Protein backbone atom coordinates (compact mmCIF):
# COMPACT_ATOMS: atom_id res chain seq x y z
CA MET A 1 104.68 0.79 41.24
CA ASN A 2 102.68 3.31 39.23
CA LEU A 3 102.64 6.51 41.31
CA ASN A 4 100.22 9.33 40.54
CA ILE A 5 102.44 12.39 41.05
CA THR A 6 99.52 14.82 40.98
CA ILE A 7 97.82 13.15 43.95
CA VAL A 8 101.10 13.03 45.89
CA ILE A 9 101.76 16.72 45.18
CA GLY A 10 98.23 17.80 46.14
CA PHE A 11 98.37 15.80 49.36
CA ALA A 12 101.88 17.04 50.22
CA SER A 13 100.84 20.66 49.70
CA THR A 14 97.74 20.18 51.87
CA LEU A 15 99.79 18.55 54.64
CA LEU A 16 102.42 21.29 54.49
CA ALA A 17 99.71 23.97 54.79
CA GLN A 18 98.29 22.25 57.88
CA ILE A 19 101.76 22.19 59.46
CA ILE A 20 102.29 25.86 58.58
CA LYS A 21 99.00 26.69 60.37
CA VAL A 22 100.44 25.28 63.61
CA LEU A 23 103.63 27.29 63.11
CA VAL A 24 101.71 30.52 62.37
CA ILE A 25 99.81 30.18 65.65
CA LEU A 26 103.00 29.27 67.50
CA ILE A 27 104.68 32.46 66.25
CA SER A 28 101.69 34.82 66.50
CA GLU A 29 100.08 33.59 69.72
CA ARG A 30 103.02 31.85 71.43
CA ARG A 31 101.09 28.61 71.90
CA VAL A 32 101.10 25.20 70.24
CA ALA A 33 97.78 24.42 68.58
CA TRP A 34 98.07 20.81 67.44
CA ASP A 35 94.34 20.76 66.70
CA MET A 36 95.06 22.96 63.66
CA ILE A 37 96.65 19.93 61.95
CA THR A 38 93.14 18.63 61.26
CA SER A 39 91.22 21.91 61.35
CA THR A 40 89.64 23.98 58.62
CA GLY A 41 90.26 27.71 58.44
CA GLY A 42 93.44 29.56 59.30
CA MET A 43 96.57 30.67 57.45
CA PRO A 44 97.22 29.40 54.79
CA SER A 45 94.22 27.71 53.21
CA SER A 46 95.15 24.04 52.91
CA HIS A 47 92.26 23.42 50.51
CA SER A 48 93.59 26.12 48.18
CA ALA A 49 97.14 24.83 48.54
CA GLY A 50 96.08 21.29 47.65
CA VAL A 51 93.88 22.02 44.64
CA VAL A 52 96.24 24.63 43.18
CA ALA A 53 99.20 22.26 43.59
CA ALA A 54 97.23 19.52 41.83
CA ALA A 55 96.11 21.89 39.05
CA THR A 56 99.67 23.14 38.56
CA SER A 57 100.89 19.54 38.42
CA VAL A 58 98.27 18.70 35.78
CA GLY A 59 99.34 21.74 33.75
CA LEU A 60 103.00 20.70 33.93
CA ILE A 61 102.22 17.10 32.93
CA ASP A 62 99.35 17.41 30.42
CA GLY A 63 99.98 20.94 29.19
CA TRP A 64 98.46 24.32 29.98
CA GLY A 65 96.00 24.03 27.08
CA SER A 66 94.72 20.55 28.00
CA THR A 67 91.17 19.74 28.99
CA THR A 68 92.37 18.12 32.21
CA PHE A 69 94.11 21.36 33.22
CA ALA A 70 90.90 23.30 32.51
CA VAL A 71 88.91 20.89 34.70
CA ALA A 72 91.54 21.11 37.46
CA CYS A 73 91.36 24.92 37.32
CA ALA A 74 87.56 24.84 37.48
CA LEU A 75 87.74 22.60 40.56
CA ALA A 76 90.30 24.91 42.18
CA ILE A 77 88.10 27.95 41.55
CA VAL A 78 85.06 26.25 43.10
CA VAL A 79 87.05 25.17 46.17
CA MET A 80 88.54 28.64 46.69
CA TYR A 81 85.18 30.35 46.15
CA ASP A 82 83.62 28.01 48.71
CA ALA A 83 86.42 28.73 51.21
CA THR A 84 85.99 32.52 51.02
CA GLY A 85 82.23 32.53 50.53
CA VAL A 86 80.04 29.76 51.85
CA ARG A 87 82.34 28.31 54.54
CA ARG A 88 83.42 31.75 55.77
CA ALA A 89 79.79 32.87 56.02
CA ALA A 90 78.94 29.68 57.93
CA GLY A 91 81.75 30.47 60.38
CA LEU A 92 80.46 34.01 60.91
CA HIS A 93 76.93 32.67 61.44
CA ALA A 94 78.29 30.19 63.97
CA GLU A 95 79.87 33.08 65.91
CA TYR A 96 76.50 34.86 66.13
CA LEU A 97 74.70 31.65 67.09
CA ASN A 98 77.25 31.04 69.87
CA VAL A 99 76.53 34.51 71.28
CA ILE A 100 72.78 33.88 71.14
CA ALA A 101 73.16 30.43 72.74
CA LYS A 102 75.27 31.90 75.55
CA GLU A 103 72.69 34.61 76.22
CA LEU A 104 69.87 32.05 76.31
CA SER A 105 71.81 29.30 78.10
CA HIS A 106 69.98 29.84 81.41
CA ILE A 107 66.71 28.94 79.68
CA PHE A 108 67.91 25.79 77.92
CA LYS A 109 70.36 24.40 80.50
CA GLN A 110 69.63 20.76 81.26
CA ASP A 111 70.88 19.19 84.49
CA GLY A 112 74.17 21.10 84.58
CA GLN A 113 74.91 20.16 80.99
CA GLU A 114 77.06 22.75 79.20
CA GLN A 115 76.02 23.74 75.67
CA LYS A 116 78.84 22.99 73.24
CA ALA A 117 79.83 26.00 71.12
CA LEU A 118 79.67 25.75 67.34
CA LYS A 119 82.96 25.71 65.47
CA THR A 120 83.61 29.16 64.01
CA LEU A 121 86.90 28.73 62.14
CA LEU A 122 85.48 27.23 58.94
CA GLY A 123 86.37 29.46 56.01
CA HIS A 124 89.17 31.74 54.90
CA THR A 125 89.97 35.35 54.15
CA TYR A 126 91.19 36.30 50.68
CA LEU A 127 94.73 36.60 52.07
CA GLN A 128 94.64 33.05 53.46
CA VAL A 129 93.38 31.67 50.13
CA THR A 130 96.01 33.65 48.21
CA ALA A 131 98.74 32.31 50.49
CA GLY A 132 97.47 28.78 49.87
CA MET A 133 97.45 29.39 46.10
CA ILE A 134 101.04 30.64 46.11
CA GLN A 135 102.16 27.75 48.27
CA GLY A 136 100.41 25.27 45.96
CA VAL A 137 102.21 26.58 42.87
CA PHE A 138 105.60 26.47 44.61
CA VAL A 139 105.07 22.97 46.01
CA ALA A 140 104.10 21.65 42.56
CA LEU A 141 107.12 23.28 40.92
CA ILE A 142 109.52 22.00 43.60
CA PHE A 143 108.15 18.46 43.36
CA HIS A 144 108.25 18.41 39.55
CA PHE A 145 111.68 19.92 39.07
CA TYR A 146 113.56 18.74 42.17
CA ILE A 147 111.91 15.65 43.64
CA PHE A 148 110.29 13.78 40.71
CA VAL A 149 113.04 14.62 38.22
């Protein structure tokens, strides 16, 4: 079987970050939040962890000066920029819209139907993205030098 190590490493790093999110909430808030396994936002950034792990894997396999590594880095930068910029702003906007919807709920209430709140945990802080980046590098190195030897 021809296994693409880079895909495995990127997926493994993403999955690990999602599991860490559950553990972070368990430790900080003393509750189990299984919904974080499939959620965006939170500590660490699983998107950052996945793309940085994949980019690091490409660098280790194809070389740090290769075109494929440059493309992988460009993709990682776009993903991390989106996480801290566009998605984070969308989450903040959702918070404000939820407040407005709550204030106006008496006007728009239909037959006892409750207005569903918008999801607010969409993007990441710089710290969450940095944690995902660091995790991604370490996961790629561990896989390359200890698992796929």
